Amino acid sequence: MNLENTQVQMRKGILEYCILHIISRGEVYASDMLEELTSAKIMVVEGTLYPLLTRLRKAGLVEYKWVESTSGPPRKYYTITDDGKAFLESLSTTWGELMNSTNQIISEKQS
């Protein structure tokens, strides 16, 4: 088995959750999302982020608006919708349950 492959799959599994959390804090530009994810060691590239943002928008979980930039082309800023907030709340519940279950399993002493 390839350790790196498994690690990548684990990170991908929580990417949508992390992105929704970032957007839930307020308007955010995609490159700022990439920077935060990278600094948290969740490696993601634009080719992964933009299709995911499109899926989230089509699902009605996020929306965006164009904002003029003084230093180049307009920028697309994302915000979370009310449906997105409800979805994120459900994901947060699931995440808490998974953390508890995982911690229970990995803290068990070998008999």
C-alpha atoms as a PDB file:
ATOM      1  CA  MET A   1       0.000   0.000   0.000  1.00  0.00           C
ATOM      2  CA  ASN A   2       1.077   3.533  -0.698  1.00  0.00           C
ATOM      3  CA  LEU A   3       1.105   5.705   2.444  1.00  0.00           C
ATOM      4  CA  GLU A   4       1.069   8.974   0.523  1.00  0.00           C
ATOM      5  CA  ASN A   5      -1.966   7.878  -1.484  1.00  0.00           C
ATOM      6  CA  THR A   6      -3.888   7.030   1.695  1.00  0.00           C
ATOM      7  CA  GLN A   7      -2.943  10.363   3.272  1.00  0.00           C
ATOM      8  CA  VAL A   8      -4.170  12.236   0.174  1.00  0.00           C
ATOM      9  CA  GLN A   9      -7.475  10.351   0.277  1.00  0.00           C
ATOM     10  CA  MET A  10      -7.955  11.189   3.962  1.00  0.00           C
ATOM     11  CA  ARG A  11      -7.403  14.900   3.244  1.00  0.00           C
ATOM     12  CA  LYS A  12      -9.736  14.856   0.238  1.00  0.00           C
ATOM     13  CA  GLY A  13     -12.446  13.342   2.402  1.00  0.00           C
ATOM     14  CA  ILE A  14     -12.637  16.447   4.577  1.00  0.00           C
ATOM     15  CA  LEU A  15     -11.942  19.068   1.921  1.00  0.00           C
ATOM     16  CA  GLU A  16     -15.586  20.047   1.321  1.00  0.00           C
ATOM     17  CA  TYR A  17     -16.155  20.382   5.056  1.00  0.00           C
ATOM     18  CA  CYS A  18     -13.087  22.612   5.485  1.00  0.00           C
ATOM     19  CA  ILE A  19     -14.013  24.785   2.500  1.00  0.00           C
ATOM     20  CA  LEU A  20     -17.531  25.327   3.813  1.00  0.00           C
ATOM     21  CA  HIS A  21     -16.073  26.278   7.198  1.00  0.00           C
ATOM     22  CA  ILE A  22     -13.764  28.837   5.613  1.00  0.00           C
ATOM     23  CA  ILE A  23     -16.589  30.348   3.554  1.00  0.00           C
ATOM     24  CA  SER A  24     -18.924  30.410   6.577  1.00  0.00           C
ATOM     25  CA  ARG A  25     -16.707  33.059   8.202  1.00  0.00           C
ATOM     26  CA  GLY A  26     -17.577  35.643   5.550  1.00  0.00           C
ATOM     27  CA  GLU A  27     -16.786  36.616   1.975  1.00  0.00           C
ATOM     28  CA  VAL A  28     -13.667  34.887   0.768  1.00  0.00           C
ATOM     29  CA  TYR A  29     -11.647  34.815  -2.434  1.00  0.00           C
ATOM     30  CA  ALA A  30     -10.572  31.435  -3.831  1.00  0.00           C
ATOM     31  CA  SER A  31      -6.844  32.133  -3.557  1.00  0.00           C
ATOM     32  CA  ASP A  32      -7.324  32.974   0.136  1.00  0.00           C
ATOM     33  CA  MET A  33      -9.012  29.582   0.577  1.00  0.00           C
ATOM     34  CA  LEU A  34      -6.077  27.877  -1.138  1.00  0.00           C
ATOM     35  CA  GLU A  35      -3.629  29.708   1.109  1.00  0.00           C
ATOM     36  CA  GLU A  36      -5.461  28.734   4.302  1.00  0.00           C
ATOM     37  CA  LEU A  37      -5.855  25.112   3.245  1.00  0.00           C
ATOM     38  CA  THR A  38      -2.179  24.900   2.282  1.00  0.00           C
ATOM     39  CA  SER A  39      -1.037  26.470   5.549  1.00  0.00           C
ATOM     40  CA  ALA A  40      -3.129  23.838   7.370  1.00  0.00           C
ATOM     41  CA  LYS A  41      -1.303  21.154   5.350  1.00  0.00           C
ATOM     42  CA  ILE A  42      -4.388  20.264   3.326  1.00  0.00           C
ATOM     43  CA  MET A  43      -2.746  20.379  -0.059  1.00  0.00           C
ATOM     44  CA  VAL A  44      -5.163  21.355  -2.791  1.00  0.00           C
ATOM     45  CA  VAL A  45      -4.674  22.849  -6.226  1.00  0.00           C
ATOM     46  CA  GLU A  46      -6.879  25.186  -8.244  1.00  0.00           C
ATOM     47  CA  GLY A  47      -7.883  22.265 -10.469  1.00  0.00           C
ATOM     48  CA  THR A  48      -9.483  20.637  -7.438  1.00  0.00           C
ATOM     49  CA  LEU A  49     -10.842  23.738  -5.698  1.00  0.00           C
ATOM     50  CA  TYR A  50     -12.721  25.392  -8.549  1.00  0.00           C
ATOM     51  CA  PRO A  51     -14.762  22.322  -9.594  1.00  0.00           C
ATOM     52  CA  LEU A  52     -15.651  21.765  -5.928  1.00  0.00           C
ATOM     53  CA  LEU A  53     -16.763  25.401  -5.565  1.00  0.00           C
ATOM     54  CA  THR A  54     -18.876  24.993  -8.708  1.00  0.00           C
ATOM     55  CA  ARG A  55     -20.539  21.865  -7.262  1.00  0.00           C
ATOM     56  CA  LEU A  56     -21.226  23.663  -3.983  1.00  0.00           C
ATOM     57  CA  ARG A  57     -22.756  26.599  -5.879  1.00  0.00           C
ATOM     58  CA  LYS A  58     -24.921  24.346  -8.063  1.00  0.00           C
ATOM     59  CA  ALA A  59     -26.118  22.579  -4.903  1.00  0.00           C
ATOM     60  CA  GLY A  60     -27.160  25.953  -3.482  1.00  0.00           C
ATOM     61  CA  LEU A  61     -24.706  25.794  -0.592  1.00  0.00           C
ATOM     62  CA  VAL A  62     -22.561  28.772  -1.603  1.00  0.00           C
ATOM     63  CA  GLU A  63     -22.948  31.758  -3.862  1.00  0.00           C
ATOM     64  CA  TYR A  64     -20.561  34.303  -5.247  1.00  0.00           C
ATOM     65  CA  LYS A  65     -20.383  37.858  -6.399  1.00  0.00           C
ATOM     66  CA  TRP A  66     -17.928  39.671  -8.615  1.00  0.00           C
ATOM     67  CA  VAL A  67     -15.982  42.511  -7.012  1.00  0.00           C
ATOM     68  CA  GLU A  68     -13.928  44.974  -9.032  1.00  0.00           C
ATOM     69  CA  SER A  69     -10.218  44.943  -8.268  1.00  0.00           C
ATOM     70  CA  THR A  70      -7.877  47.916  -8.396  1.00  0.00           C
ATOM     71  CA  SER A  71      -4.989  45.661  -9.370  1.00  0.00           C
ATOM     72  CA  GLY A  72      -6.424  43.483 -12.125  1.00  0.00           C
ATOM     73  CA  PRO A  73      -9.565  41.722 -13.247  1.00  0.00           C
ATOM     74  CA  PRO A  74     -12.675  41.434 -11.045  1.00  0.00           C
ATOM     75  CA  ARG A  75     -12.530  38.858  -8.273  1.00  0.00           C
ATOM     76  CA  LYS A  76     -15.131  36.263  -7.382  1.00  0.00           C
ATOM     77  CA  TYR A  77     -15.950  36.269  -3.656  1.00  0.00           C
ATOM     78  CA  TYR A  78     -17.825  33.339  -2.132  1.00  0.00           C
ATOM     79  CA  THR A  79     -20.371  33.364   0.707  1.00  0.00           C
ATOM     80  CA  ILE A  80     -22.349  30.569   2.311  1.00  0.00           C
ATOM     81  CA  THR A  81     -26.128  30.363   1.839  1.00  0.00           C
ATOM     82  CA  ASP A  82     -28.702  29.462   4.482  1.00  0.00           C
ATOM     83  CA  ASP A  83     -28.869  25.958   2.986  1.00  0.00           C
ATOM     84  CA  GLY A  84     -25.076  25.853   3.173  1.00  0.00           C
ATOM     85  CA  LYS A  85     -25.172  26.779   6.863  1.00  0.00           C
ATOM     86  CA  ALA A  86     -27.636  23.971   7.580  1.00  0.00           C
ATOM     87  CA  PHE A  87     -25.536  21.529   5.539  1.00  0.00           C
ATOM     88  CA  LEU A  88     -22.381  22.613   7.389  1.00  0.00           C
ATOM     89  CA  GLU A  89     -24.115  22.143  10.727  1.00  0.00           C
ATOM     90  CA  SER A  90     -25.008  18.564   9.750  1.00  0.00           C
ATOM     91  CA  LEU A  91     -21.448  17.929   8.587  1.00  0.00           C
ATOM     92  CA  SER A  92     -20.162  19.303  11.898  1.00  0.00           C
ATOM     93  CA  THR A  93     -22.318  16.818  13.782  1.00  0.00           C
ATOM     94  CA  THR A  94     -21.017  13.992  11.608  1.00  0.00           C
ATOM     95  CA  TRP A  95     -17.425  15.208  12.053  1.00  0.00           C
ATOM     96  CA  GLY A  96     -17.841  15.223  15.857  1.00  0.00           C
ATOM     97  CA  GLU A  97     -19.231  11.694  15.802  1.00  0.00           C
ATOM     98  CA  LEU A  98     -16.384  10.495  13.573  1.00  0.00           C
ATOM     99  CA  MET A  99     -13.772  12.101  15.822  1.00  0.00           C
ATOM    100  CA  ASN A 100     -15.295  10.483  18.896  1.00  0.00           C
ATOM    101  CA  SER A 101     -15.511   7.079  17.216  1.00  0.00           C
ATOM    102  CA  THR A 102     -11.974   7.311  15.869  1.00  0.00           C
ATOM    103  CA  ASN A 103     -10.568   8.439  19.208  1.00  0.00           C
ATOM    104  CA  GLN A 104     -12.370   5.575  20.948  1.00  0.00           C
ATOM    105  CA  ILE A 105     -10.884   3.043  18.537  1.00  0.00           C
ATOM    106  CA  ILE A 106      -7.321   4.364  18.515  1.00  0.00           C
ATOM    107  CA  SER A 107      -7.200   4.806  22.298  1.00  0.00           C
ATOM    108  CA  GLU A 108      -8.217   1.201  23.026  1.00  0.00           C
ATOM    109  CA  LYS A 109      -5.487  -0.764  24.715  1.00  0.00           C
ATOM    110  CA  GLN A 110      -4.377  -3.968  23.079  1.00  0.00           C
ATOM    111  CA  SER A 111      -5.420  -7.020  25.096  1.00  0.00           C
END
